[in-house]
PDB file of N, CA and C in Angstrom:
ATOM      1  N   MET A   1      40.632 -18.979  19.641  1.00  0.00           N
ATOM      2  CA  MET A   1      40.949 -18.046  18.583  1.00  0.00           C
ATOM      3  C   MET A   1      39.807 -17.041  18.469  1.00  0.00           C
ATOM      4  N   LYS A   2      40.171 -15.788  18.284  1.00  0.00           N
ATOM      5  CA  LYS A   2      39.189 -14.720  18.107  1.00  0.00           C
ATOM      6  C   LYS A   2      39.252 -14.213  16.668  1.00  0.00           C
ATOM      7  N   ILE A   3      38.073 -14.175  16.031  1.00  0.00           N
ATOM      8  CA  ILE A   3      37.974 -13.741  14.645  1.00  0.00           C
ATOM      9  C   ILE A   3      37.003 -12.575  14.563  1.00  0.00           C
ATOM     10  N   LEU A   4      37.351 -11.581  13.770  1.00  0.00           N
ATOM     11  CA  LEU A   4      36.497 -10.430  13.555  1.00  0.00           C
ATOM     12  C   LEU A   4      36.173 -10.341  12.066  1.00  0.00           C
ATOM     13  N   THR A   5      34.868 -10.358  11.750  1.00  0.00           N
ATOM     14  CA  THR A   5      34.455 -10.146  10.361  1.00  0.00           C
ATOM     15  C   THR A   5      34.105  -8.670  10.218  1.00  0.00           C
ATOM     16  N   VAL A   6      34.526  -8.076   9.111  1.00  0.00           N
ATOM     17  CA  VAL A   6      34.467  -6.624   8.960  1.00  0.00           C
ATOM     18  C   VAL A   6      33.800  -6.216   7.656  1.00  0.00           C
ATOM     19  N   CYS A   7      32.924  -5.200   7.765  1.00  0.00           N
ATOM     20  CA  CYS A   7      32.358  -4.553   6.570  1.00  0.00           C
ATOM     21  C   CYS A   7      32.221  -3.062   6.867  1.00  0.00           C
ATOM     22  N   GLY A   8      31.670  -2.331   5.952  1.00  0.00           N
ATOM     23  CA  GLY A   8      31.578  -0.882   6.088  1.00  0.00           C
ATOM     24  C   GLY A   8      30.719  -0.413   7.245  1.00  0.00           C
ATOM     25  N   MET A   9      29.561  -1.017   7.412  1.00  0.00           N
ATOM     26  CA  MET A   9      28.623  -0.573   8.445  1.00  0.00           C
ATOM     27  C   MET A   9      28.509  -1.545   9.623  1.00  0.00           C
ATOM     28  N   GLY A  10      29.018  -2.751   9.487  1.00  0.00           N
ATOM     29  CA  GLY A  10      28.988  -3.720  10.579  1.00  0.00           C
ATOM     30  C   GLY A  10      27.662  -4.439  10.751  1.00  0.00           C
ATOM     31  N   SER A  11      26.759  -4.267   9.803  1.00  0.00           N
ATOM     32  CA  SER A  11      25.450  -4.905   9.974  1.00  0.00           C
ATOM     33  C   SER A  11      24.965  -5.646   8.736  1.00  0.00           C
ATOM     34  N   GLY A  12      25.746  -5.694   7.696  1.00  0.00           N
ATOM     35  CA  GLY A  12      25.327  -6.356   6.463  1.00  0.00           C
ATOM     36  C   GLY A  12      26.223  -7.521   6.128  1.00  0.00           C
ATOM     37  N   SER A  13      27.204  -7.248   5.286  1.00  0.00           N
ATOM     38  CA  SER A  13      28.059  -8.336   4.828  1.00  0.00           C
ATOM     39  C   SER A  13      28.901  -8.941   5.942  1.00  0.00           C
ATOM     40  N   SER A  14      29.251  -8.164   6.964  1.00  0.00           N
ATOM     41  CA  SER A  14      30.031  -8.744   8.064  1.00  0.00           C
ATOM     42  C   SER A  14      29.211  -9.760   8.853  1.00  0.00           C
ATOM     43  N   LEU A  15      27.892  -9.552   8.961  1.00  0.00           N
ATOM     44  CA  LEU A  15      27.047 -10.532   9.651  1.00  0.00           C
ATOM     45  C   LEU A  15      26.878 -11.800   8.823  1.00  0.00           C
ATOM     46  N   ILE A  16      26.716 -11.644   7.520  1.00  0.00           N
ATOM     47  CA  ILE A  16      26.636 -12.813   6.640  1.00  0.00           C
ATOM     48  C   ILE A  16      27.957 -13.585   6.695  1.00  0.00           C
ATOM     49  N   LEU A  17      29.052 -12.855   6.636  1.00  0.00           N
ATOM     50  CA  LEU A  17      30.370 -13.464   6.705  1.00  0.00           C
ATOM     51  C   LEU A  17      30.566 -14.174   8.038  1.00  0.00           C
ATOM     52  N   LYS A  18      30.138 -13.561   9.130  1.00  0.00           N
ATOM     53  CA  LYS A  18      30.233 -14.168  10.464  1.00  0.00           C
ATOM     54  C   LYS A  18      29.507 -15.510  10.497  1.00  0.00           C
ATOM     55  N   MET A  19      28.277 -15.537  10.004  1.00  0.00           N
ATOM     56  CA  MET A  19      27.501 -16.780  10.006  1.00  0.00           C
ATOM     57  C   MET A  19      28.174 -17.852   9.154  1.00  0.00           C
ATOM     58  N   ASN A  20      28.693 -17.462   7.997  1.00  0.00           N
ATOM     59  CA  ASN A  20      29.356 -18.427   7.126  1.00  0.00           C
ATOM     60  C   ASN A  20      30.671 -18.927   7.719  1.00  0.00           C
ATOM     61  N   VAL A  21      31.419 -18.051   8.361  1.00  0.00           N
ATOM     62  CA  VAL A  21      32.664 -18.452   9.012  1.00  0.00           C
ATOM     63  C   VAL A  21      32.354 -19.438  10.145  1.00  0.00           C
ATOM     64  N   GLU A  22      31.343 -19.144  10.948  1.00  0.00           N
ATOM     65  CA  GLU A  22      30.966 -20.054  12.039  1.00  0.00           C
ATOM     66  C   GLU A  22      30.548 -21.418  11.497  1.00  0.00           C
ATOM     67  N   GLU A  23      29.790 -21.420  10.409  1.00  0.00           N
ATOM     68  CA  GLU A  23      29.350 -22.676   9.799  1.00  0.00           C
ATOM     69  C   GLU A  23      30.532 -23.476   9.261  1.00  0.00           C
ATOM     70  N   VAL A  24      31.442 -22.806   8.575  1.00  0.00           N
ATOM     71  CA  VAL A  24      32.620 -23.475   8.033  1.00  0.00           C
ATOM     72  C   VAL A  24      33.483 -24.028   9.164  1.00  0.00           C
ATOM     73  N   LEU A  25      33.726 -23.234  10.189  1.00  0.00           N
ATOM     74  CA  LEU A  25      34.545 -23.695  11.315  1.00  0.00           C
ATOM     75  C   LEU A  25      33.908 -24.904  11.994  1.00  0.00           C
ATOM     76  N   SER A  26      32.605 -24.871  12.161  1.00  0.00           N
ATOM     77  CA  SER A  26      31.894 -26.001  12.763  1.00  0.00           C
ATOM     78  C   SER A  26      32.095 -27.258  11.919  1.00  0.00           C
ATOM     79  N   GLY A  27      31.972 -27.114  10.606  1.00  0.00           N
ATOM     80  CA  GLY A  27      32.182 -28.244   9.710  1.00  0.00           C
ATOM     81  C   GLY A  27      33.598 -28.786   9.752  1.00  0.00           C
ATOM     82  N   LEU A  28      34.552 -27.929  10.080  1.00  0.00           N
ATOM     83  CA  LEU A  28      35.951 -28.341  10.197  1.00  0.00           C
ATOM     84  C   LEU A  28      36.290 -28.856  11.591  1.00  0.00           C
ATOM     85  N   GLY A  29      35.311 -28.782  12.501  1.00  0.00           N
ATOM     86  CA  GLY A  29      35.544 -29.217  13.877  1.00  0.00           C
ATOM     87  C   GLY A  29      36.400 -28.260  14.673  1.00  0.00           C
ATOM     88  N   LYS A  30      36.393 -26.995  14.279  1.00  0.00           N
ATOM     89  CA  LYS A  30      37.203 -25.975  14.963  1.00  0.00           C
ATOM     90  C   LYS A  30      36.294 -25.033  15.740  1.00  0.00           C
ATOM     91  N   ASP A  31      36.813 -24.526  16.831  1.00  0.00           N
ATOM     92  CA  ASP A  31      36.053 -23.613  17.673  1.00  0.00           C
ATOM     93  C   ASP A  31      36.737 -22.250  17.680  1.00  0.00           C
ATOM     94  N   ALA A  32      35.932 -21.195  17.557  1.00  0.00           N
ATOM     95  CA  ALA A  32      36.468 -19.831  17.596  1.00  0.00           C
ATOM     96  C   ALA A  32      35.369 -18.881  18.030  1.00  0.00           C
ATOM     97  N   GLU A  33      35.781 -17.773  18.596  1.00  0.00           N
ATOM     98  CA  GLU A  33      34.856 -16.701  18.929  1.00  0.00           C
ATOM     99  C   GLU A  33      34.833 -15.767  17.721  1.00  0.00           C
ATOM    100  N   VAL A  34      33.664 -15.635  17.085  1.00  0.00           N
ATOM    101  CA  VAL A  34      33.543 -14.823  15.869  1.00  0.00           C
ATOM    102  C   VAL A  34      32.603 -13.659  16.142  1.00  0.00           C
ATOM    103  N   GLU A  35      33.051 -12.467  15.814  1.00  0.00           N
ATOM    104  CA  GLU A  35      32.266 -11.252  16.029  1.00  0.00           C
ATOM    105  C   GLU A  35      32.290 -10.416  14.748  1.00  0.00           C
ATOM    106  N   ALA A  36      31.195  -9.713  14.493  1.00  0.00           N
ATOM    107  CA  ALA A  36      31.102  -8.829  13.324  1.00  0.00           C
ATOM    108  C   ALA A  36      31.212  -7.374  13.777  1.00  0.00           C
ATOM    109  N   CYS A  37      31.831  -6.535  12.944  1.00  0.00           N
ATOM    110  CA  CYS A  37      31.902  -5.110  13.272  1.00  0.00           C
ATOM    111  C   CYS A  37      32.110  -4.282  12.012  1.00  0.00           C
ATOM    112  N   ASP A  38      32.023  -2.975  12.179  1.00  0.00           N
ATOM    113  CA  ASP A  38      32.261  -2.055  11.064  1.00  0.00           C
ATOM    114  C   ASP A  38      33.743  -1.704  11.001  1.00  0.00           C
ATOM    115  N   ILE A  39      34.166  -1.199   9.866  1.00  0.00           N
ATOM    116  CA  ILE A  39      35.575  -0.899   9.619  1.00  0.00           C
ATOM    117  C   ILE A  39      36.137   0.113  10.620  1.00  0.00           C
ATOM    118  N   GLY A  40      35.316   1.035  11.081  1.00  0.00           N
ATOM    119  CA  GLY A  40      35.786   2.050  12.025  1.00  0.00           C
ATOM    120  C   GLY A  40      35.998   1.545  13.433  1.00  0.00           C
ATOM    121  N   SER A  41      35.494   0.361  13.748  1.00  0.00           N
ATOM    122  CA  SER A  41      35.602  -0.188  15.101  1.00  0.00           C
ATOM    123  C   SER A  41      36.678  -1.255  15.256  1.00  0.00           C
ATOM    124  N   VAL A  42      37.373  -1.570  14.199  1.00  0.00           N
ATOM    125  CA  VAL A  42      38.365  -2.643  14.245  1.00  0.00           C
ATOM    126  C   VAL A  42      39.446  -2.370  15.288  1.00  0.00           C
ATOM    127  N   ALA A  43      39.895  -1.142  15.392  1.00  0.00           N
ATOM    128  CA  ALA A  43      40.982  -0.801  16.316  1.00  0.00           C
ATOM    129  C   ALA A  43      40.644  -1.120  17.765  1.00  0.00           C
ATOM    130  N   GLY A  44      39.378  -1.163  18.111  1.00  0.00           N
ATOM    131  CA  GLY A  44      38.968  -1.443  19.478  1.00  0.00           C
ATOM    132  C   GLY A  44      38.902  -2.914  19.835  1.00  0.00           C
ATOM    133  N   HIS A  45      39.333  -3.774  18.940  1.00  0.00           N
ATOM    134  CA  HIS A  45      39.256  -5.219  19.172  1.00  0.00           C
ATOM    135  C   HIS A  45      40.635  -5.861  19.164  1.00  0.00           C
ATOM    136  N   GLN A  46      40.838  -6.809  20.042  1.00  0.00           N
ATOM    137  CA  GLN A  46      42.044  -7.633  20.058  1.00  0.00           C
ATOM    138  C   GLN A  46      41.662  -8.984  19.473  1.00  0.00           C
ATOM    139  N   VAL A  47      42.105  -9.267  18.251  1.00  0.00           N
ATOM    140  CA  VAL A  47      41.728 -10.510  17.585  1.00  0.00           C
ATOM    141  C   VAL A  47      42.943 -11.168  16.943  1.00  0.00           C
ATOM    142  N   ASP A  48      42.772 -12.447  16.632  1.00  0.00           N
ATOM    143  CA  ASP A  48      43.825 -13.195  15.954  1.00  0.00           C
ATOM    144  C   ASP A  48      43.716 -13.075  14.442  1.00  0.00           C
ATOM    145  N   LEU A  49      42.458 -12.943  13.950  1.00  0.00           N
ATOM    146  CA  LEU A  49      42.221 -12.984  12.517  1.00  0.00           C
ATOM    147  C   LEU A  49      41.121 -12.010  12.124  1.00  0.00           C
ATOM    148  N   LEU A  50      41.377 -11.234  11.095  1.00  0.00           N
ATOM    149  CA  LEU A  50      40.378 -10.353  10.492  1.00  0.00           C
ATOM    150  C   LEU A  50      39.937 -10.979   9.181  1.00  0.00           C
ATOM    151  N   ILE A  51      38.619 -11.058   8.970  1.00  0.00           N
ATOM    152  CA  ILE A  51      38.096 -11.570   7.708  1.00  0.00           C
ATOM    153  C   ILE A  51      37.173 -10.514   7.124  1.00  0.00           C
ATOM    154  N   SER A  52      37.429 -10.155   5.894  1.00  0.00           N
ATOM    155  CA  SER A  52      36.639  -9.121   5.235  1.00  0.00           C
ATOM    156  C   SER A  52      36.667  -9.359   3.731  1.00  0.00           C
ATOM    157  N   THR A  53      36.098  -8.417   3.013  1.00  0.00           N
ATOM    158  CA  THR A  53      36.143  -8.489   1.553  1.00  0.00           C
ATOM    159  C   THR A  53      37.389  -7.763   1.047  1.00  0.00           C
ATOM    160  N   LYS A  54      37.760  -8.064  -0.174  1.00  0.00           N
ATOM    161  CA  LYS A  54      38.967  -7.478  -0.754  1.00  0.00           C
ATOM    162  C   LYS A  54      38.896  -5.959  -0.831  1.00  0.00           C
ATOM    163  N   GLU A  55      37.691  -5.412  -0.927  1.00  0.00           N
ATOM    164  CA  GLU A  55      37.568  -3.956  -1.022  1.00  0.00           C
ATOM    165  C   GLU A  55      38.053  -3.242   0.236  1.00  0.00           C
ATOM    166  N   PHE A  56      38.131  -3.929   1.366  1.00  0.00           N
ATOM    167  CA  PHE A  56      38.607  -3.308   2.603  1.00  0.00           C
ATOM    168  C   PHE A  56      40.061  -3.659   2.918  1.00  0.00           C
ATOM    169  N   GLY A  57      40.723  -4.363   2.015  1.00  0.00           N
ATOM    170  CA  GLY A  57      42.100  -4.789   2.241  1.00  0.00           C
ATOM    171  C   GLY A  57      43.048  -3.655   2.584  1.00  0.00           C
ATOM    172  N   ASP A  58      42.995  -2.578   1.823  1.00  0.00           N
ATOM    173  CA  ASP A  58      43.887  -1.444   2.081  1.00  0.00           C
ATOM    174  C   ASP A  58      43.638  -0.821   3.446  1.00  0.00           C
ATOM    175  N   GLN A  59      42.382  -0.725   3.850  1.00  0.00           N
ATOM    176  CA  GLN A  59      42.046  -0.109   5.134  1.00  0.00           C
ATOM    177  C   GLN A  59      42.439  -0.993   6.321  1.00  0.00           C
ATOM    178  N   LEU A  60      42.613  -2.273   6.082  1.00  0.00           N
ATOM    179  CA  LEU A  60      42.965  -3.193   7.162  1.00  0.00           C
ATOM    180  C   LEU A  60      44.468  -3.426   7.283  1.00  0.00           C
ATOM    181  N   GLU A  61      45.251  -2.894   6.352  1.00  0.00           N
ATOM    182  CA  GLU A  61      46.703  -3.127   6.351  1.00  0.00           C
ATOM    183  C   GLU A  61      47.386  -2.686   7.634  1.00  0.00           C
ATOM    184  N   GLU A  62      46.891  -1.637   8.262  1.00  0.00           N
ATOM    185  CA  GLU A  62      47.551  -1.106   9.462  1.00  0.00           C
ATOM    186  C   GLU A  62      47.440  -2.020  10.680  1.00  0.00           C
ATOM    187  N   PHE A  63      46.547  -2.987  10.641  1.00  0.00           N
ATOM    188  CA  PHE A  63      46.335  -3.853  11.795  1.00  0.00           C
ATOM    189  C   PHE A  63      47.239  -5.079  11.718  1.00  0.00           C
ATOM    190  N   THR A  64      47.765  -5.487  12.866  1.00  0.00           N
ATOM    191  CA  THR A  64      48.753  -6.566  12.903  1.00  0.00           C
ATOM    192  C   THR A  64      48.135  -7.961  12.868  1.00  0.00           C
ATOM    193  N   ALA A  65      46.847  -8.080  13.093  1.00  0.00           N
ATOM    194  CA  ALA A  65      46.200  -9.398  13.060  1.00  0.00           C
ATOM    195  C   ALA A  65      46.325  -9.999  11.658  1.00  0.00           C
ATOM    196  N   ASP A  66      46.322 -11.326  11.596  1.00  0.00           N
ATOM    197  CA  ASP A  66      46.304 -11.993  10.300  1.00  0.00           C
ATOM    198  C   ASP A  66      45.013 -11.624   9.585  1.00  0.00           C
ATOM    199  N   LYS A  67      45.026 -11.728   8.262  1.00  0.00           N
ATOM    200  CA  LYS A  67      43.862 -11.317   7.472  1.00  0.00           C
ATOM    201  C   LYS A  67      43.521 -12.342   6.413  1.00  0.00           C
ATOM    202  N   ILE A  68      42.230 -12.523   6.209  1.00  0.00           N
ATOM    203  CA  ILE A  68      41.700 -13.268   5.079  1.00  0.00           C
ATOM    204  C   ILE A  68      40.764 -12.316   4.359  1.00  0.00           C
ATOM    205  N   LEU A  69      40.976 -12.154   3.061  1.00  0.00           N
ATOM    206  CA  LEU A  69      40.131 -11.284   2.249  1.00  0.00           C
ATOM    207  C   LEU A  69      39.428 -12.126   1.198  1.00  0.00           C
ATOM    208  N   VAL A  70      38.103 -12.077   1.198  1.00  0.00           N
ATOM    209  CA  VAL A  70      37.311 -12.870   0.264  1.00  0.00           C
ATOM    210  C   VAL A  70      36.713 -11.965  -0.806  1.00  0.00           C
ATOM    211  N   SER A  71      36.352 -12.566  -1.924  1.00  0.00           N
ATOM    212  CA  SER A  71      35.703 -11.818  -2.995  1.00  0.00           C
ATOM    213  C   SER A  71      34.199 -11.739  -2.790  1.00  0.00           C
ATOM    214  N   ASN A  72      33.636 -12.782  -2.181  1.00  0.00           N
ATOM    215  CA  ASN A  72      32.192 -12.887  -2.049  1.00  0.00           C
ATOM    216  C   ASN A  72      31.860 -13.482  -0.680  1.00  0.00           C
ATOM    217  N   VAL A  73      31.088 -12.777   0.132  1.00  0.00           N
ATOM    218  CA  VAL A  73      30.798 -13.217   1.506  1.00  0.00           C
ATOM    219  C   VAL A  73      29.909 -14.447   1.572  1.00  0.00           C
ATOM    220  N   VAL A  74      29.257 -14.806   0.478  1.00  0.00           N
ATOM    221  CA  VAL A  74      28.396 -15.990   0.489  1.00  0.00           C
ATOM    222  C   VAL A  74      29.055 -17.208  -0.164  1.00  0.00           C
ATOM    223  N   ASP A  75      30.274 -17.065  -0.637  1.00  0.00           N
ATOM    224  CA  ASP A  75      31.001 -18.177  -1.264  1.00  0.00           C
ATOM    225  C   ASP A  75      31.682 -19.003  -0.173  1.00  0.00           C
ATOM    226  N   LYS A  76      30.938 -19.969   0.359  1.00  0.00           N
ATOM    227  CA  LYS A  76      31.454 -20.769   1.471  1.00  0.00           C
ATOM    228  C   LYS A  76      32.666 -21.602   1.078  1.00  0.00           C
ATOM    229  N   SER A  77      32.746 -22.018  -0.178  1.00  0.00           N
ATOM    230  CA  SER A  77      33.891 -22.825  -0.583  1.00  0.00           C
ATOM    231  C   SER A  77      35.180 -22.003  -0.527  1.00  0.00           C
ATOM    232  N   ASP A  78      35.124 -20.738  -0.924  1.00  0.00           N
ATOM    233  CA  ASP A  78      36.291 -19.857  -0.833  1.00  0.00           C
ATOM    234  C   ASP A  78      36.650 -19.600   0.629  1.00  0.00           C
ATOM    235  N   ILE A  79      35.640 -19.318   1.434  1.00  0.00           N
ATOM    236  CA  ILE A  79      35.869 -19.080   2.867  1.00  0.00           C
ATOM    237  C   ILE A  79      36.511 -20.317   3.493  1.00  0.00           C
ATOM    238  N   GLU A  80      35.954 -21.477   3.176  1.00  0.00           N
ATOM    239  CA  GLU A  80      36.483 -22.728   3.739  1.00  0.00           C
ATOM    240  C   GLU A  80      37.931 -22.967   3.322  1.00  0.00           C
ATOM    241  N   GLN A  81      38.238 -22.787   2.041  1.00  0.00           N
ATOM    242  CA  GLN A  81      39.602 -23.013   1.573  1.00  0.00           C
ATOM    243  C   GLN A  81      40.589 -22.059   2.237  1.00  0.00           C
ATOM    244  N   GLN A  82      40.202 -20.801   2.338  1.00  0.00           N
ATOM    245  CA  GLN A  82      41.117 -19.829   2.960  1.00  0.00           C
ATOM    246  C   GLN A  82      41.296 -20.107   4.454  1.00  0.00           C
ATOM    247  N   LEU A  83      40.224 -20.530   5.129  1.00  0.00           N
ATOM    248  CA  LEU A  83      40.350 -20.883   6.550  1.00  0.00           C
ATOM    249  C   LEU A  83      41.209 -22.135   6.726  1.00  0.00           C
ATOM    250  N   LYS A  84      41.047 -23.113   5.843  1.00  0.00           N
ATOM    251  CA  LYS A  84      41.882 -24.317   5.919  1.00  0.00           C
ATOM    252  C   LYS A  84      43.345 -23.937   5.744  1.00  0.00           C
ATOM    253  N   ASP A  85      43.635 -23.105   4.765  1.00  0.00           N
ATOM    254  CA  ASP A  85      45.017 -22.666   4.534  1.00  0.00           C
ATOM    255  C   ASP A  85      45.553 -21.936   5.750  1.00  0.00           C
ATOM    256  N   TYR A  86      44.751 -21.068   6.337  1.00  0.00           N
ATOM    257  CA  TYR A  86      45.174 -20.315   7.514  1.00  0.00           C
ATOM    258  C   TYR A  86      45.440 -21.251   8.698  1.00  0.00           C
ATOM    259  N   LEU A  87      44.535 -22.186   8.927  1.00  0.00           N
ATOM    260  CA  LEU A  87      44.665 -23.095  10.066  1.00  0.00           C
ATOM    261  C   LEU A  87      45.808 -24.077   9.898  1.00  0.00           C
ATOM    262  N   ALA A  88      46.210 -24.322   8.668  1.00  0.00           N
ATOM    263  CA  ALA A  88      47.321 -25.250   8.407  1.00  0.00           C
ATOM    264  C   ALA A  88      48.684 -24.647   8.735  1.00  0.00           C
ATOM    265  N   LYS A  89      48.736 -23.338   8.920  1.00  0.00           N
ATOM    266  CA  LYS A  89      50.021 -22.666   9.227  1.00  0.00           C
ATOM    267  C   LYS A  89      50.530 -23.067  10.585  1.00  0.00           C
TER     268      LYS A  89
END
Protein backbone atom coordinates (compact mmCIF):
# COMPACT_ATOMS: atom_id res chain seq x y z
CA MET A 1 0.00 0.00 0.00
CA LYS A 2 1.23 3.48 -0.86
CA ILE A 3 0.30 6.39 1.40
CA LEU A 4 0.95 10.08 0.83
CA THR A 5 0.84 12.56 3.71
CA VAL A 6 0.09 16.08 2.53
CA CYS A 7 0.51 19.62 3.85
CA GLY A 8 0.93 23.07 2.34
CA MET A 9 4.71 23.11 1.95
CA GLY A 10 5.57 19.40 2.25
CA SER A 11 8.14 19.90 4.97
CA GLY A 12 6.25 20.52 8.21
CA SER A 13 3.04 18.85 9.22
CA SER A 14 3.23 16.27 6.42
CA LEU A 15 6.56 15.02 7.80
CA ILE A 16 5.18 14.82 11.34
CA LEU A 17 2.12 13.04 9.97
CA LYS A 18 4.34 10.65 7.97
CA MET A 19 6.31 9.67 11.07
CA ASN A 20 3.14 9.17 13.11
CA VAL A 21 1.46 7.14 10.36
CA GLU A 22 4.55 4.90 10.09
CA GLU A 23 4.59 4.43 13.87
CA VAL A 24 0.89 3.60 14.01
CA LEU A 25 1.14 1.16 11.09
CA SER A 26 4.12 -0.55 12.72
CA GLY A 27 2.14 -0.92 15.94
CA LEU A 28 -0.71 -2.47 13.95
CA GLY A 29 1.69 -4.88 12.23
CA LYS A 30 0.96 -3.35 8.82
CA ASP A 31 3.47 -2.42 6.15
CA ALA A 32 3.13 0.52 3.77
CA GLU A 33 5.25 2.90 1.76
CA VAL A 34 4.64 6.36 3.27
CA GLU A 35 5.83 9.57 1.62
CA ALA A 36 5.30 13.24 2.50
CA CYS A 37 4.65 15.99 -0.04
CA ASP A 38 3.15 19.43 -0.56
CA ILE A 39 -0.39 20.00 -1.81
CA GLY A 40 0.83 21.10 -5.25
CA SER A 41 2.68 17.83 -5.87
CA VAL A 42 -0.11 15.38 -5.11
CA ALA A 43 -1.09 14.98 -8.77
CA GLY A 44 2.35 13.55 -9.56
CA HIS A 45 1.89 10.57 -7.24
CA GLN A 46 0.05 7.28 -7.67
CA VAL A 47 -1.11 6.30 -4.18
CA ASP A 48 -3.80 4.27 -2.47
CA LEU A 49 -4.40 6.67 0.41
CA LEU A 50 -3.98 10.39 1.03
CA ILE A 51 -3.68 11.55 4.64
CA SER A 52 -3.83 15.22 5.49
CA THR A 53 -5.48 17.72 7.77
CA LYS A 54 -9.10 18.76 7.40
CA GLU A 55 -8.06 22.18 6.12
CA PHE A 56 -6.87 20.56 2.87
CA GLY A 57 -9.98 18.41 2.39
CA ASP A 58 -11.50 20.59 -0.32
CA GLN A 59 -8.25 20.75 -2.28
CA LEU A 60 -7.91 16.96 -2.21
CA GLU A 61 -11.45 16.20 -3.43
CA GLU A 62 -10.38 16.00 -7.07
CA PHE A 63 -8.10 13.03 -6.42
CA THR A 64 -9.51 9.51 -6.65
CA ALA A 65 -7.34 7.99 -3.90
CA ASP A 66 -9.01 7.24 -0.58
CA LYS A 67 -8.57 9.98 2.00
CA ILE A 68 -8.16 10.31 5.74
CA LEU A 69 -8.42 13.83 7.14
CA VAL A 70 -7.23 14.46 10.69
CA SER A 71 -7.72 17.45 12.96
CA ASN A 72 -4.30 17.26 14.57
CA VAL A 73 -1.15 15.69 13.06
CA VAL A 74 0.23 14.75 16.48
CA ASP A 75 -2.94 13.01 17.75
CA LYS A 76 -1.80 9.42 17.27
CA SER A 77 -5.00 7.99 18.74
CA ASP A 78 -7.09 9.72 16.04
CA ILE A 79 -4.65 8.64 13.33
CA GLU A 80 -4.71 5.08 14.64
CA GLN A 81 -8.51 4.91 14.81
CA GLN A 82 -8.94 6.28 11.30
CA LEU A 83 -6.31 3.90 9.91
CA LYS A 84 -7.97 0.95 11.67
CA ASP A 85 -11.32 1.95 10.16
CA TYR A 86 -9.74 2.30 6.73
CA LEU A 87 -7.92 -1.04 6.93
CA ALA A 88 -11.08 -2.81 8.09
CA LYS A 89 -12.82 -2.02 4.77
